[in-house]
N, C-alpha and C. Protein backbone atom coordinates (compact mmCIF):
# COMPACT_ATOMS: atom_id res chain seq x y z
N UNK A 1 -30.14 -25.42 2.60
CA UNK A 1 -29.94 -26.06 1.31
C UNK A 1 -28.47 -26.36 1.13
N UNK A 2 -28.16 -27.58 0.82
CA UNK A 2 -26.79 -28.01 0.64
C UNK A 2 -26.38 -27.85 -0.82
N UNK A 3 -25.22 -27.20 -1.05
CA UNK A 3 -24.75 -26.95 -2.42
C UNK A 3 -23.77 -28.05 -2.82
N UNK A 4 -23.97 -28.58 -3.99
CA UNK A 4 -23.09 -29.61 -4.52
C UNK A 4 -21.81 -28.96 -5.02
N UNK A 5 -20.65 -29.58 -4.76
CA UNK A 5 -19.35 -29.02 -5.16
C UNK A 5 -19.23 -28.97 -6.69
N UNK A 6 -19.82 -29.93 -7.38
CA UNK A 6 -19.73 -29.90 -8.84
C UNK A 6 -20.52 -28.73 -9.42
N UNK A 7 -21.58 -28.33 -8.74
CA UNK A 7 -22.34 -27.16 -9.19
C UNK A 7 -21.50 -25.90 -9.02
N UNK A 8 -20.81 -25.79 -7.91
CA UNK A 8 -19.93 -24.62 -7.68
C UNK A 8 -18.82 -24.56 -8.71
N UNK A 9 -18.18 -25.69 -8.94
CA UNK A 9 -17.07 -25.74 -9.91
C UNK A 9 -17.58 -25.43 -11.31
N UNK A 10 -18.74 -25.96 -11.66
CA UNK A 10 -19.32 -25.69 -12.98
C UNK A 10 -19.66 -24.23 -13.17
N UNK A 11 -20.22 -23.62 -12.13
CA UNK A 11 -20.57 -22.20 -12.21
C UNK A 11 -19.32 -21.34 -12.33
N UNK A 12 -18.31 -21.63 -11.51
CA UNK A 12 -17.07 -20.86 -11.56
C UNK A 12 -16.37 -21.04 -12.90
N UNK A 13 -16.32 -22.26 -13.40
CA UNK A 13 -15.67 -22.51 -14.69
C UNK A 13 -16.40 -21.82 -15.83
N UNK A 14 -17.71 -21.88 -15.81
CA UNK A 14 -18.49 -21.21 -16.85
C UNK A 14 -18.31 -19.71 -16.83
N UNK A 15 -18.28 -19.14 -15.64
CA UNK A 15 -18.06 -17.70 -15.52
C UNK A 15 -16.68 -17.33 -16.04
N UNK A 16 -15.67 -18.09 -15.63
CA UNK A 16 -14.31 -17.82 -16.07
C UNK A 16 -14.17 -17.95 -17.59
N UNK A 17 -14.73 -18.99 -18.14
CA UNK A 17 -14.62 -19.20 -19.59
C UNK A 17 -15.41 -18.17 -20.39
N UNK A 18 -16.43 -17.58 -19.80
CA UNK A 18 -17.17 -16.55 -20.53
C UNK A 18 -16.49 -15.18 -20.42
N UNK A 19 -15.66 -14.99 -19.40
CA UNK A 19 -14.98 -13.70 -19.21
C UNK A 19 -13.65 -13.66 -19.97
N UNK A 20 -12.95 -14.76 -20.02
CA UNK A 20 -11.60 -14.80 -20.60
C UNK A 20 -11.55 -14.29 -22.04
N UNK A 21 -12.46 -14.66 -22.94
CA UNK A 21 -12.35 -14.15 -24.32
C UNK A 21 -12.55 -12.64 -24.43
N UNK A 22 -13.19 -12.04 -23.44
CA UNK A 22 -13.46 -10.61 -23.50
C UNK A 22 -12.31 -9.76 -22.97
N UNK A 23 -11.31 -10.40 -22.37
CA UNK A 23 -10.16 -9.67 -21.84
C UNK A 23 -9.10 -9.57 -22.92
N UNK A 24 -8.74 -8.37 -23.29
CA UNK A 24 -7.72 -8.16 -24.32
C UNK A 24 -6.35 -8.05 -23.67
N UNK A 25 -5.32 -8.35 -24.43
CA UNK A 25 -3.97 -8.30 -23.90
C UNK A 25 -3.57 -6.87 -23.53
N UNK A 26 -4.14 -5.88 -24.23
CA UNK A 26 -3.85 -4.48 -23.88
C UNK A 26 -4.40 -4.14 -22.51
N UNK A 27 -5.56 -4.71 -22.18
CA UNK A 27 -6.15 -4.48 -20.87
C UNK A 27 -5.29 -5.07 -19.76
N UNK A 28 -4.74 -6.25 -20.01
CA UNK A 28 -3.89 -6.89 -19.01
C UNK A 28 -2.63 -6.07 -18.81
N UNK A 29 -2.03 -5.59 -19.89
CA UNK A 29 -0.83 -4.77 -19.79
C UNK A 29 -1.12 -3.47 -19.06
N UNK A 30 -2.23 -2.82 -19.41
CA UNK A 30 -2.60 -1.56 -18.76
C UNK A 30 -2.86 -1.78 -17.27
N UNK A 31 -3.54 -2.86 -16.93
CA UNK A 31 -3.82 -3.16 -15.53
C UNK A 31 -2.54 -3.44 -14.76
N UNK A 32 -1.61 -4.15 -15.38
CA UNK A 32 -0.33 -4.44 -14.73
C UNK A 32 0.46 -3.16 -14.48
N UNK A 33 0.52 -2.29 -15.47
CA UNK A 33 1.24 -1.03 -15.32
C UNK A 33 0.60 -0.17 -14.23
N UNK A 34 -0.73 -0.09 -14.22
CA UNK A 34 -1.41 0.70 -13.20
C UNK A 34 -1.20 0.11 -11.81
N UNK A 35 -1.15 -1.20 -11.69
CA UNK A 35 -0.90 -1.84 -10.40
C UNK A 35 0.50 -1.53 -9.90
N UNK A 36 1.48 -1.56 -10.80
CA UNK A 36 2.86 -1.24 -10.41
C UNK A 36 2.97 0.22 -9.99
N UNK A 37 2.37 1.12 -10.74
CA UNK A 37 2.40 2.54 -10.40
C UNK A 37 1.70 2.77 -9.06
N UNK A 38 0.55 2.16 -8.85
CA UNK A 38 -0.18 2.32 -7.60
C UNK A 38 0.59 1.80 -6.41
N UNK A 39 1.22 0.64 -6.54
CA UNK A 39 2.00 0.08 -5.45
C UNK A 39 3.21 0.94 -5.14
N UNK A 40 3.86 1.46 -6.17
CA UNK A 40 5.03 2.33 -5.97
C UNK A 40 4.64 3.62 -5.26
N UNK A 41 3.56 4.24 -5.70
CA UNK A 41 3.11 5.48 -5.07
C UNK A 41 2.70 5.22 -3.63
N UNK A 42 2.02 4.15 -3.39
CA UNK A 42 1.60 3.81 -2.03
C UNK A 42 2.80 3.61 -1.12
N UNK A 43 3.81 2.91 -1.61
CA UNK A 43 5.02 2.68 -0.83
C UNK A 43 5.76 3.99 -0.55
N UNK A 44 5.87 4.84 -1.55
CA UNK A 44 6.57 6.11 -1.37
C UNK A 44 5.82 7.02 -0.37
N UNK A 45 4.50 7.04 -0.45
CA UNK A 45 3.72 7.85 0.48
C UNK A 45 3.86 7.32 1.90
N UNK A 46 3.86 6.01 2.07
CA UNK A 46 4.03 5.46 3.41
C UNK A 46 5.42 5.77 3.97
N UNK A 47 6.45 5.73 3.12
CA UNK A 47 7.79 6.11 3.58
C UNK A 47 7.84 7.59 3.96
N UNK A 48 7.20 8.43 3.16
CA UNK A 48 7.17 9.87 3.45
C UNK A 48 6.44 10.14 4.77
N UNK A 49 5.31 9.48 4.98
CA UNK A 49 4.57 9.69 6.23
C UNK A 49 5.34 9.17 7.43
N UNK A 50 6.05 8.07 7.27
CA UNK A 50 6.88 7.54 8.34
C UNK A 50 7.98 8.53 8.68
N UNK A 51 8.62 9.09 7.65
CA UNK A 51 9.68 10.08 7.85
C UNK A 51 9.11 11.33 8.51
N UNK A 52 7.93 11.76 8.08
CA UNK A 52 7.29 12.96 8.62
C UNK A 52 6.94 12.79 10.09
N UNK A 53 6.43 11.63 10.47
CA UNK A 53 6.10 11.42 11.88
C UNK A 53 7.35 11.28 12.73
N UNK A 54 8.43 10.79 12.15
CA UNK A 54 9.68 10.65 12.89
C UNK A 54 10.24 12.05 13.19
N UNK A 55 10.11 12.98 12.25
CA UNK A 55 10.59 14.34 12.43
C UNK A 55 9.77 15.07 13.51
N UNK A 56 8.47 14.84 13.53
CA UNK A 56 7.60 15.52 14.51
C UNK A 56 7.88 15.09 15.94
N UNK A 57 8.39 13.88 16.13
CA UNK A 57 8.69 13.39 17.47
C UNK A 57 9.99 13.94 17.90
């Protein structure tokens, strides 16, 4: 079955437009802060593990 591109675009646009009003600005801020904290912790752990393996060698 061949899918029409306008059907895909319409479905994606409808989904996006139905989700956007339900997202609050506090949620976006909280998600951004959690992403920054997660990335920072991940980077620090990778540096620690790199340092730890360098010491073991």
